[in-house]
C-alpha atoms as a PDB file:
ATOM      1  CA  UNK A   1      24.884 -12.839   7.380  1.00  0.00           C
ATOM      2  CA  UNK A   2      26.615 -12.353  10.702  1.00  0.00           C
ATOM      3  CA  UNK A   3      28.231  -9.367  12.395  1.00  0.00           C
ATOM      4  CA  UNK A   4      31.523  -9.301  14.251  1.00  0.00           C
ATOM      5  CA  UNK A   5      29.622  -8.485  17.450  1.00  0.00           C
ATOM      6  CA  UNK A   6      27.421 -11.561  17.002  1.00  0.00           C
ATOM      7  CA  UNK A   7      30.454 -13.754  16.427  1.00  0.00           C
ATOM      8  CA  UNK A   8      32.046 -12.452  19.626  1.00  0.00           C
ATOM      9  CA  UNK A   9      28.873 -13.225  21.540  1.00  0.00           C
ATOM     10  CA  UNK A  10      29.196 -16.785  20.234  1.00  0.00           C
ATOM     11  CA  UNK A  11      32.725 -16.987  21.629  1.00  0.00           C
ATOM     12  CA  UNK A  12      34.802 -16.272  18.509  1.00  0.00           C
ATOM     13  CA  UNK A  13      37.842 -14.115  19.219  1.00  0.00           C
ATOM     14  CA  UNK A  14      39.661 -11.810  16.812  1.00  0.00           C
ATOM     15  CA  UNK A  15      42.100 -14.523  15.658  1.00  0.00           C
ATOM     16  CA  UNK A  16      39.321 -17.100  15.205  1.00  0.00           C
ATOM     17  CA  UNK A  17      37.380 -14.687  13.010  1.00  0.00           C
ATOM     18  CA  UNK A  18      40.481 -13.791  10.979  1.00  0.00           C
ATOM     19  CA  UNK A  19      41.266 -17.504  10.522  1.00  0.00           C
ATOM     20  CA  UNK A  20      37.775 -18.175   9.116  1.00  0.00           C
ATOM     21  CA  UNK A  21      38.051 -15.222   6.762  1.00  0.00           C
ATOM     22  CA  UNK A  22      41.397 -16.539   5.527  1.00  0.00           C
ATOM     23  CA  UNK A  23      39.937 -20.033   5.011  1.00  0.00           C
ATOM     24  CA  UNK A  24      36.931 -18.695   3.071  1.00  0.00           C
ATOM     25  CA  UNK A  25      34.337 -19.586   5.673  1.00  0.00           C
ATOM     26  CA  UNK A  26      33.516 -15.926   6.275  1.00  0.00           C
ATOM     27  CA  UNK A  27      33.422 -13.329   3.500  1.00  0.00           C
ATOM     28  CA  UNK A  28      33.467  -9.603   4.364  1.00  0.00           C
ATOM     29  CA  UNK A  29      30.505  -7.695   2.915  1.00  0.00           C
ATOM     30  CA  UNK A  30      30.819  -4.436   4.831  1.00  0.00           C
ATOM     31  CA  UNK A  31      33.226  -3.643   7.682  1.00  0.00           C
ATOM     32  CA  UNK A  32      32.264  -5.866  10.589  1.00  0.00           C
ATOM     33  CA  UNK A  33      29.724  -7.942   8.628  1.00  0.00           C
ATOM     34  CA  UNK A  34      30.343 -11.280   6.933  1.00  0.00           C
ATOM     35  CA  UNK A  35      28.554 -13.659   4.582  1.00  0.00           C
ATOM     36  CA  UNK A  36      28.787 -17.195   5.932  1.00  0.00           C
ATOM     37  CA  UNK A  37      29.977 -19.989   3.680  1.00  0.00           C
ATOM     38  CA  UNK A  38      29.984 -18.280   0.285  1.00  0.00           C
ATOM     39  CA  UNK A  39      30.978 -15.006  -1.283  1.00  0.00           C
ATOM     40  CA  UNK A  40      27.834 -14.496  -3.414  1.00  0.00           C
ATOM     41  CA  UNK A  41      25.232 -12.340  -1.674  1.00  0.00           C
ATOM     42  CA  UNK A  42      21.563 -12.303  -2.715  1.00  0.00           C
ATOM     43  CA  UNK A  43      19.497  -9.136  -2.531  1.00  0.00           C
ATOM     44  CA  UNK A  44      18.002 -10.050   0.846  1.00  0.00           C
ATOM     45  CA  UNK A  45      21.461 -10.876   2.171  1.00  0.00           C
ATOM     46  CA  UNK A  46      22.755  -7.473   1.087  1.00  0.00           C
ATOM     47  CA  UNK A  47      19.863  -5.774   2.898  1.00  0.00           C
ATOM     48  CA  UNK A  48      20.494  -7.773   6.070  1.00  0.00           C
ATOM     49  CA  UNK A  49      24.216  -7.067   5.880  1.00  0.00           C
ATOM     50  CA  UNK A  50      23.536  -3.331   5.603  1.00  0.00           C
ATOM     51  CA  UNK A  51      21.269  -3.427   8.670  1.00  0.00           C
ATOM     52  CA  UNK A  52      23.889  -5.331  10.677  1.00  0.00           C
ATOM     53  CA  UNK A  53      26.608  -2.953   9.520  1.00  0.00           C
ATOM     54  CA  UNK A  54      24.756   0.062  10.932  1.00  0.00           C
ATOM     55  CA  UNK A  55      24.185  -1.497  14.325  1.00  0.00           C
ATOM     56  CA  UNK A  56      21.464  -1.342  16.948  1.00  0.00           C
ATOM     57  CA  UNK A  57      18.144   0.160  15.889  1.00  0.00           C
ATOM     58  CA  UNK A  58      18.918   0.135  12.164  1.00  0.00           C
ATOM     59  CA  UNK A  59      16.022  -0.833   9.882  1.00  0.00           C
ATOM     60  CA  UNK A  60      15.531  -1.032   6.140  1.00  0.00           C
ATOM     61  CA  UNK A  61      13.473   1.977   4.990  1.00  0.00           C
ATOM     62  CA  UNK A  62      12.452   4.212   2.064  1.00  0.00           C
ATOM     63  CA  UNK A  63      13.097   2.700  -1.369  1.00  0.00           C
ATOM     64  CA  UNK A  64      14.784  -0.466  -0.076  1.00  0.00           C
ATOM     65  CA  UNK A  65      11.878  -1.141   2.296  1.00  0.00           C
ATOM     66  CA  UNK A  66       9.422  -0.582  -0.565  1.00  0.00           C
ATOM     67  CA  UNK A  67      11.374  -3.082  -2.645  1.00  0.00           C
ATOM     68  CA  UNK A  68      11.355  -5.635   0.177  1.00  0.00           C
ATOM     69  CA  UNK A  69       7.563  -5.237   0.532  1.00  0.00           C
ATOM     70  CA  UNK A  70       7.306  -5.450  -3.304  1.00  0.00           C
ATOM     71  CA  UNK A  71       5.535  -2.087  -3.378  1.00  0.00           C
ATOM     72  CA  UNK A  72       8.210  -0.917  -5.822  1.00  0.00           C
ATOM     73  CA  UNK A  73      10.316  -2.812  -8.322  1.00  0.00           C
ATOM     74  CA  UNK A  74      14.069  -3.131  -7.934  1.00  0.00           C
ATOM     75  CA  UNK A  75      15.547   0.170  -6.797  1.00  0.00           C
ATOM     76  CA  UNK A  76      18.981   1.143  -8.123  1.00  0.00           C
ATOM     77  CA  UNK A  77      21.520   2.832  -5.905  1.00  0.00           C
ATOM     78  CA  UNK A  78      22.500   2.346  -2.268  1.00  0.00           C
ATOM     79  CA  UNK A  79      20.598   0.398   0.355  1.00  0.00           C
ATOM     80  CA  UNK A  80      18.468   2.853   2.344  1.00  0.00           C
ATOM     81  CA  UNK A  81      18.262   2.517   6.113  1.00  0.00           C
ATOM     82  CA  UNK A  82      16.967   4.456   9.081  1.00  0.00           C
ATOM     83  CA  UNK A  83      18.585   4.631  12.513  1.00  0.00           C
ATOM     84  CA  UNK A  84      17.588   6.426  15.736  1.00  0.00           C
ATOM     85  CA  UNK A  85      18.596  10.085  15.669  1.00  0.00           C
ATOM     86  CA  UNK A  86      20.904   9.595  18.695  1.00  0.00           C
ATOM     87  CA  UNK A  87      23.071   7.231  16.671  1.00  0.00           C
ATOM     88  CA  UNK A  88      25.582   8.237  14.041  1.00  0.00           C
ATOM     89  CA  UNK A  89      26.943   5.148  12.286  1.00  0.00           C
ATOM     90  CA  UNK A  90      30.065   5.344  10.170  1.00  0.00           C
ATOM     91  CA  UNK A  91      29.666   6.026   6.475  1.00  0.00           C
ATOM     92  CA  UNK A  92      29.531   2.915   4.331  1.00  0.00           C
ATOM     93  CA  UNK A  93      29.853   2.802   0.562  1.00  0.00           C
ATOM     94  CA  UNK A  94      26.600   1.508  -0.867  1.00  0.00           C
ATOM     95  CA  UNK A  95      24.480   2.455   2.182  1.00  0.00           C
ATOM     96  CA  UNK A  96      22.422   5.616   2.694  1.00  0.00           C
ATOM     97  CA  UNK A  97      21.451   6.266   6.316  1.00  0.00           C
ATOM     98  CA  UNK A  98      18.556   8.429   7.523  1.00  0.00           C
ATOM     99  CA  UNK A  99      18.837   9.497  11.164  1.00  0.00           C
ATOM    100  CA  UNK A 100      15.270   9.572  12.468  1.00  0.00           C
ATOM    101  CA  UNK A 101      13.603  10.875  15.616  1.00  0.00           C
ATOM    102  CA  UNK A 102      10.032  10.004  14.593  1.00  0.00           C
ATOM    103  CA  UNK A 103      10.085   6.214  14.174  1.00  0.00           C
ATOM    104  CA  UNK A 104       8.405   4.318  16.996  1.00  0.00           C
ATOM    105  CA  UNK A 105       7.998   0.638  17.769  1.00  0.00           C
ATOM    106  CA  UNK A 106       4.753   0.584  15.799  1.00  0.00           C
ATOM    107  CA  UNK A 107       6.602   1.762  12.683  1.00  0.00           C
ATOM    108  CA  UNK A 108       9.024  -1.170  12.597  1.00  0.00           C
ATOM    109  CA  UNK A 109       8.551  -4.871  11.937  1.00  0.00           C
ATOM    110  CA  UNK A 110      10.486  -7.728  10.311  1.00  0.00           C
ATOM    111  CA  UNK A 111      10.044  -9.402   6.941  1.00  0.00           C
ATOM    112  CA  UNK A 112      12.056 -12.461   5.972  1.00  0.00           C
ATOM    113  CA  UNK A 113      13.968 -11.835   9.209  1.00  0.00           C
ATOM    114  CA  UNK A 114      15.049  -8.333   8.112  1.00  0.00           C
ATOM    115  CA  UNK A 115      14.140  -5.343  10.333  1.00  0.00           C
ATOM    116  CA  UNK A 116      12.117  -2.983   8.131  1.00  0.00           C
ATOM    117  CA  UNK A 117       9.652  -0.118   8.360  1.00  0.00           C
ATOM    118  CA  UNK A 118       6.003  -1.179   8.202  1.00  0.00           C
ATOM    119  CA  UNK A 119       4.105  -0.717   4.921  1.00  0.00           C
ATOM    120  CA  UNK A 120       2.413   2.395   6.348  1.00  0.00           C
ATOM    121  CA  UNK A 121       5.687   3.945   7.522  1.00  0.00           C
ATOM    122  CA  UNK A 122       7.300   3.013   4.204  1.00  0.00           C
ATOM    123  CA  UNK A 123       4.556   4.771   2.222  1.00  0.00           C
ATOM    124  CA  UNK A 124       4.957   7.892   4.375  1.00  0.00           C
ATOM    125  CA  UNK A 125       8.676   7.905   3.566  1.00  0.00           C
ATOM    126  CA  UNK A 126       7.969   7.406  -0.144  1.00  0.00           C
ATOM    127  CA  UNK A 127       5.474  10.306  -0.121  1.00  0.00           C
ATOM    128  CA  UNK A 128       8.311  12.696   0.742  1.00  0.00           C
ATOM    129  CA  UNK A 129      10.273  11.721  -2.366  1.00  0.00           C
ATOM    130  CA  UNK A 130       7.684  10.835  -5.033  1.00  0.00           C
ATOM    131  CA  UNK A 131       5.404  12.643  -7.447  1.00  0.00           C
ATOM    132  CA  UNK A 132       1.670  12.320  -6.643  1.00  0.00           C
ATOM    133  CA  UNK A 133       1.176   9.963  -9.592  1.00  0.00           C
ATOM    134  CA  UNK A 134       3.958   7.593  -8.524  1.00  0.00           C
ATOM    135  CA  UNK A 135       2.776   7.736  -4.919  1.00  0.00           C
ATOM    136  CA  UNK A 136      -0.750   6.806  -5.961  1.00  0.00           C
ATOM    137  CA  UNK A 137       0.657   3.829  -7.877  1.00  0.00           C
ATOM    138  CA  UNK A 138       2.618   2.746  -4.781  1.00  0.00           C
ATOM    139  CA  UNK A 139      -0.495   2.966  -2.579  1.00  0.00           C
ATOM    140  CA  UNK A 140      -2.478   0.941  -5.119  1.00  0.00           C
ATOM    141  CA  UNK A 141       0.261  -1.699  -5.217  1.00  0.00           C
ATOM    142  CA  UNK A 142       0.292  -1.958  -1.406  1.00  0.00           C
ATOM    143  CA  UNK A 143      -3.490  -2.345  -1.487  1.00  0.00           C
ATOM    144  CA  UNK A 144      -3.299  -5.010  -4.209  1.00  0.00           C
ATOM    145  CA  UNK A 145      -0.764  -6.958  -2.128  1.00  0.00           C
ATOM    146  CA  UNK A 146      -3.074  -6.704   0.923  1.00  0.00           C
ATOM    147  CA  UNK A 147      -0.388  -4.890   2.900  1.00  0.00           C
ATOM    148  CA  UNK A 148      -2.643  -1.957   3.801  1.00  0.00           C
ATOM    149  CA  UNK A 149      -5.874  -0.633   2.268  1.00  0.00           C
ATOM    150  CA  UNK A 150      -6.339   3.100   1.565  1.00  0.00           C
ATOM    151  CA  UNK A 151      -9.004   3.591   4.247  1.00  0.00           C
ATOM    152  CA  UNK A 152      -6.884   2.051   7.021  1.00  0.00           C
ATOM    153  CA  UNK A 153      -3.846   3.928   5.754  1.00  0.00           C
ATOM    154  CA  UNK A 154      -5.696   7.259   5.779  1.00  0.00           C
ATOM    155  CA  UNK A 155      -7.057   6.666   9.287  1.00  0.00           C
ATOM    156  CA  UNK A 156      -3.588   5.799  10.599  1.00  0.00           C
ATOM    157  CA  UNK A 157      -2.217   9.170   9.454  1.00  0.00           C
ATOM    158  CA  UNK A 158      -4.379  10.984  11.999  1.00  0.00           C
ATOM    159  CA  UNK A 159      -2.419   9.292  14.800  1.00  0.00           C
ATOM    160  CA  UNK A 160       0.972   9.186  13.086  1.00  0.00           C
ATOM    161  CA  UNK A 161       3.851  11.297  14.340  1.00  0.00           C
ATOM    162  CA  UNK A 162       4.190  14.190  11.922  1.00  0.00           C
ATOM    163  CA  UNK A 163       7.178  13.700   9.656  1.00  0.00           C
ATOM    164  CA  UNK A 164       8.142  14.420   6.051  1.00  0.00           C
ATOM    165  CA  UNK A 165       5.685  12.702   3.725  1.00  0.00           C
ATOM    166  CA  UNK A 166       2.693  12.608   6.078  1.00  0.00           C
ATOM    167  CA  UNK A 167       0.978  15.661   4.592  1.00  0.00           C
ATOM    168  CA  UNK A 168       1.652  14.583   1.002  1.00  0.00           C
ATOM    169  CA  UNK A 169       0.290  11.095   1.634  1.00  0.00           C
ATOM    170  CA  UNK A 170      -2.785  12.540   3.337  1.00  0.00           C
ATOM    171  CA  UNK A 171      -3.474  14.768   0.339  1.00  0.00           C
ATOM    172  CA  UNK A 172      -3.113  11.816  -2.017  1.00  0.00           C
ATOM    173  CA  UNK A 173      -5.557   9.721  -0.022  1.00  0.00           C
ATOM    174  CA  UNK A 174      -8.197  12.285   0.903  1.00  0.00           C
ATOM    175  CA  UNK A 175     -10.089  12.230  -2.372  1.00  0.00           C
ATOM    176  CA  UNK A 176      -9.867   8.494  -2.771  1.00  0.00           C
ATOM    177  CA  UNK A 177     -10.979   7.623   0.771  1.00  0.00           C
ATOM    178  CA  UNK A 178     -13.483  10.377   1.482  1.00  0.00           C
ATOM    179  CA  UNK A 179     -16.709   8.542   2.135  1.00  0.00           C
ATOM    180  CA  UNK A 180     -20.339   9.314   2.779  1.00  0.00           C
ATOM    181  CA  UNK A 181     -22.883   7.051   4.426  1.00  0.00           C
ATOM    182  CA  UNK A 182     -24.867   4.641   2.281  1.00  0.00           C
ATOM    183  CA  UNK A 183     -28.004   6.721   2.853  1.00  0.00           C
ATOM    184  CA  UNK A 184     -26.236   9.943   1.827  1.00  0.00           C
ATOM    185  CA  UNK A 185     -24.754   8.168  -1.200  1.00  0.00           C
ATOM    186  CA  UNK A 186     -28.258   7.143  -2.230  1.00  0.00           C
ATOM    187  CA  UNK A 187     -29.560  10.716  -1.796  1.00  0.00           C
ATOM    188  CA  UNK A 188     -26.733  12.070  -3.935  1.00  0.00           C
ATOM    189  CA  UNK A 189     -27.421   9.507  -6.628  1.00  0.00           C
ATOM    190  CA  UNK A 190     -31.145  10.340  -6.690  1.00  0.00           C
ATOM    191  CA  UNK A 191     -30.247  14.018  -7.234  1.00  0.00           C
ATOM    192  CA  UNK A 192     -28.034  12.988 -10.155  1.00  0.00           C
ATOM    193  CA  UNK A 193     -30.893  10.931 -11.601  1.00  0.00           C
ATOM    194  CA  UNK A 194     -33.206  13.934 -11.560  1.00  0.00           C
ATOM    195  CA  UNK A 195     -30.513  16.070 -13.183  1.00  0.00           C
ATOM    196  CA  UNK A 196     -30.156  13.453 -15.920  1.00  0.00           C
ATOM    197  CA  UNK A 197     -33.897  13.454 -16.535  1.00  0.00           C
ATOM    198  CA  UNK A 198     -34.628   9.866 -15.488  1.00  0.00           C
ATOM    199  CA  UNK A 199     -37.861   9.060 -13.665  1.00  0.00           C
ATOM    200  CA  UNK A 200     -37.835   7.979 -10.012  1.00  0.00           C
ATOM    201  CA  UNK A 201     -36.713   4.345  -9.774  1.00  0.00           C
ATOM    202  CA  UNK A 202     -37.788   1.520  -7.536  1.00  0.00           C
ATOM    203  CA  UNK A 203     -35.172   1.138  -4.787  1.00  0.00           C
ATOM    204  CA  UNK A 204     -33.958  -1.934  -2.923  1.00  0.00           C
ATOM    205  CA  UNK A 205     -36.243  -4.259  -4.854  1.00  0.00           C
ATOM    206  CA  UNK A 206     -35.599  -7.944  -5.597  1.00  0.00           C
ATOM    207  CA  UNK A 207     -34.886  -8.534  -9.283  1.00  0.00           C
ATOM    208  CA  UNK A 208     -33.902 -11.935 -10.675  1.00  0.00           C
ATOM    209  CA  UNK A 209     -33.255 -13.183  -7.156  1.00  0.00           C
ATOM    210  CA  UNK A 210     -31.012 -10.270  -6.144  1.00  0.00           C
ATOM    211  CA  UNK A 211     -31.776  -7.107  -4.182  1.00  0.00           C
ATOM    212  CA  UNK A 212     -30.750  -4.198  -6.416  1.00  0.00           C
ATOM    213  CA  UNK A 213     -30.132  -0.568  -5.558  1.00  0.00           C
ATOM    214  CA  UNK A 214     -32.206   1.028  -8.344  1.00  0.00           C
ATOM    215  CA  UNK A 215     -34.581  -0.514 -10.879  1.00  0.00           C
ATOM    216  CA  UNK A 216     -36.609   0.935 -13.768  1.00  0.00           C
ATOM    217  CA  UNK A 217     -38.951  -1.827 -15.007  1.00  0.00           C
ATOM    218  CA  UNK A 218     -40.198   0.307 -17.926  1.00  0.00           C
ATOM    219  CA  UNK A 219     -36.627   1.064 -19.066  1.00  0.00           C
ATOM    220  CA  UNK A 220     -35.338  -2.451 -18.402  1.00  0.00           C
ATOM    221  CA  UNK A 221     -32.515  -0.864 -16.385  1.00  0.00           C
ATOM    222  CA  UNK A 222     -30.731  -1.795 -13.163  1.00  0.00           C
ATOM    223  CA  UNK A 223     -28.178   0.508 -11.529  1.00  0.00           C
ATOM    224  CA  UNK A 224     -25.947  -0.540  -8.641  1.00  0.00           C
ATOM    225  CA  UNK A 225     -23.879   1.890  -6.560  1.00  0.00           C
ATOM    226  CA  UNK A 226     -20.935   0.193  -4.868  1.00  0.00           C
ATOM    227  CA  UNK A 227     -20.536   0.838  -1.170  1.00  0.00           C
ATOM    228  CA  UNK A 228     -17.888   2.559   0.882  1.00  0.00           C
ATOM    229  CA  UNK A 229     -14.836   0.412   0.063  1.00  0.00           C
ATOM    230  CA  UNK A 230     -12.277   2.116  -2.137  1.00  0.00           C
ATOM    231  CA  UNK A 231     -11.478  -1.225  -3.770  1.00  0.00           C
ATOM    232  CA  UNK A 232     -13.915  -4.127  -3.456  1.00  0.00           C
ATOM    233  CA  UNK A 233     -12.329  -7.481  -2.693  1.00  0.00           C
ATOM    234  CA  UNK A 234     -11.857 -10.052  -5.493  1.00  0.00           C
ATOM    235  CA  UNK A 235     -14.677 -12.151  -3.985  1.00  0.00           C
ATOM    236  CA  UNK A 236     -17.027  -9.155  -3.974  1.00  0.00           C
ATOM    237  CA  UNK A 237     -16.065  -8.271  -7.541  1.00  0.00           C
ATOM    238  CA  UNK A 238     -16.749 -11.847  -8.658  1.00  0.00           C
ATOM    239  CA  UNK A 239     -20.170 -11.767  -6.969  1.00  0.00           C
ATOM    240  CA  UNK A 240     -20.925  -8.417  -8.634  1.00  0.00           C
ATOM    241  CA  UNK A 241     -20.082  -9.815 -12.070  1.00  0.00           C
ATOM    242  CA  UNK A 242     -22.285 -12.844 -11.476  1.00  0.00           C
ATOM    243  CA  UNK A 243     -25.236 -10.629 -10.472  1.00  0.00           C
ATOM    244  CA  UNK A 244     -24.728  -8.419 -13.529  1.00  0.00           C
ATOM    245  CA  UNK A 245     -24.532 -11.444 -15.824  1.00  0.00           C
ATOM    246  CA  UNK A 246     -27.810 -12.830 -14.475  1.00  0.00           C
ATOM    247  CA  UNK A 247     -29.544  -9.494 -15.108  1.00  0.00           C
ATOM    248  CA  UNK A 248     -28.086  -9.155 -18.615  1.00  0.00           C
ATOM    249  CA  UNK A 249     -29.110 -12.737 -19.477  1.00  0.00           C
ATOM    250  CA  UNK A 250     -32.639 -11.776 -18.412  1.00  0.00           C
ATOM    251  CA  UNK A 251     -32.621  -8.905 -20.909  1.00  0.00           C
ATOM    252  CA  UNK A 252     -31.851  -6.006 -18.545  1.00  0.00           C
ATOM    253  CA  UNK A 253     -29.285  -3.267 -19.004  1.00  0.00           C
ATOM    254  CA  UNK A 254     -26.960  -2.992 -15.993  1.00  0.00           C
ATOM    255  CA  UNK A 255     -24.859  -0.030 -14.877  1.00  0.00           C
ATOM    256  CA  UNK A 256     -22.559  -0.026 -11.876  1.00  0.00           C
ATOM    257  CA  UNK A 257     -21.175   3.225 -10.445  1.00  0.00           C
ATOM    258  CA  UNK A 258     -18.440   3.383  -7.826  1.00  0.00           C
ATOM    259  CA  UNK A 259     -18.719   5.311  -4.601  1.00  0.00           C
ATOM    260  CA  UNK A 260     -16.043   7.719  -5.858  1.00  0.00           C
ATOM    261  CA  UNK A 261     -17.962   8.440  -9.072  1.00  0.00           C
ATOM    262  CA  UNK A 262     -21.184   9.242  -7.232  1.00  0.00           C
ATOM    263  CA  UNK A 263     -19.452  11.288  -4.521  1.00  0.00           C
ATOM    264  CA  UNK A 264     -16.913  13.141  -6.687  1.00  0.00           C
ATOM    265  CA  UNK A 265     -17.636  12.765 -10.401  1.00  0.00           C
ATOM    266  CA  UNK A 266     -21.338  13.499 -10.688  1.00  0.00           C
ATOM    267  CA  UNK A 267     -20.892  15.010 -14.147  1.00  0.00           C
ATOM    268  CA  UNK A 268     -19.775  11.671 -15.549  1.00  0.00           C
ATOM    269  CA  UNK A 269     -22.686   9.887 -13.875  1.00  0.00           C
ATOM    270  CA  UNK A 270     -25.194  12.412 -15.257  1.00  0.00           C
ATOM    271  CA  UNK A 271     -23.801  12.196 -18.814  1.00  0.00           C
ATOM    272  CA  UNK A 272     -23.913   8.402 -18.731  1.00  0.00           C
ATOM    273  CA  UNK A 273     -27.484   8.341 -17.457  1.00  0.00           C
ATOM    274  CA  UNK A 274     -28.595  10.935 -20.009  1.00  0.00           C
ATOM    275  CA  UNK A 275     -27.249   8.750 -22.796  1.00  0.00           C
ATOM    276  CA  UNK A 276     -29.480   5.928 -21.544  1.00  0.00           C
ATOM    277  CA  UNK A 277     -32.483   8.169 -21.046  1.00  0.00           C
ATOM    278  CA  UNK A 278     -32.152   9.481 -24.576  1.00  0.00           C
END
């Protein structure tokens, strides 16, 4: 993709550009923007053409940015862009422009050479237009792609310029990323154990070559409480499974509770433990 302004900077005059359009070397995509060499335009080319068409400071944003980051699947409708509020580009069929005062340099990057809002800024924009359930799915997808994890995302909102979507995204993340210290998590879990009627366990003991959080030798039970990460990494999950398999092969029962379950869903933890105690 190339804009008329870029061609002029390269020394091509009006007649030279018109000649190349006539010969099929340049193919108009939007006014002032051309595909070079062939008429067919891929998805990324269409995004780049839209950015060039809207001029200085234009970046892919909202649904189109989410599609470029692969946070969302293919989005129907126009290409969505953001431009500085002081600019007012001409209307273009197939392009939706958001004039923005809140985007800073830290909110913009490039991907595949296309100027685009960062994953964090993109999720803030999505939060203003999505249901909580769809927003949660988008955050999970960004986390799965290692674009941004929920804890880092939540922390960044405290310093973000307030704009539509910030409050909604904060609400979506607060429950998932609220954390307590490991020592407080252990204290909460011990209270849940007493409520469930289980005896006091051994804590931080070595069992089958691994240090475990809670162990009941008489019950043949090991319980692990995962730490403060919202999602453990694939390597951590693989190590957890290996530990659990070693314990099970040795004849132990193994339970693993997440941080969120201990901190926010104590009823489920108590019911599960009671079933074992019974």
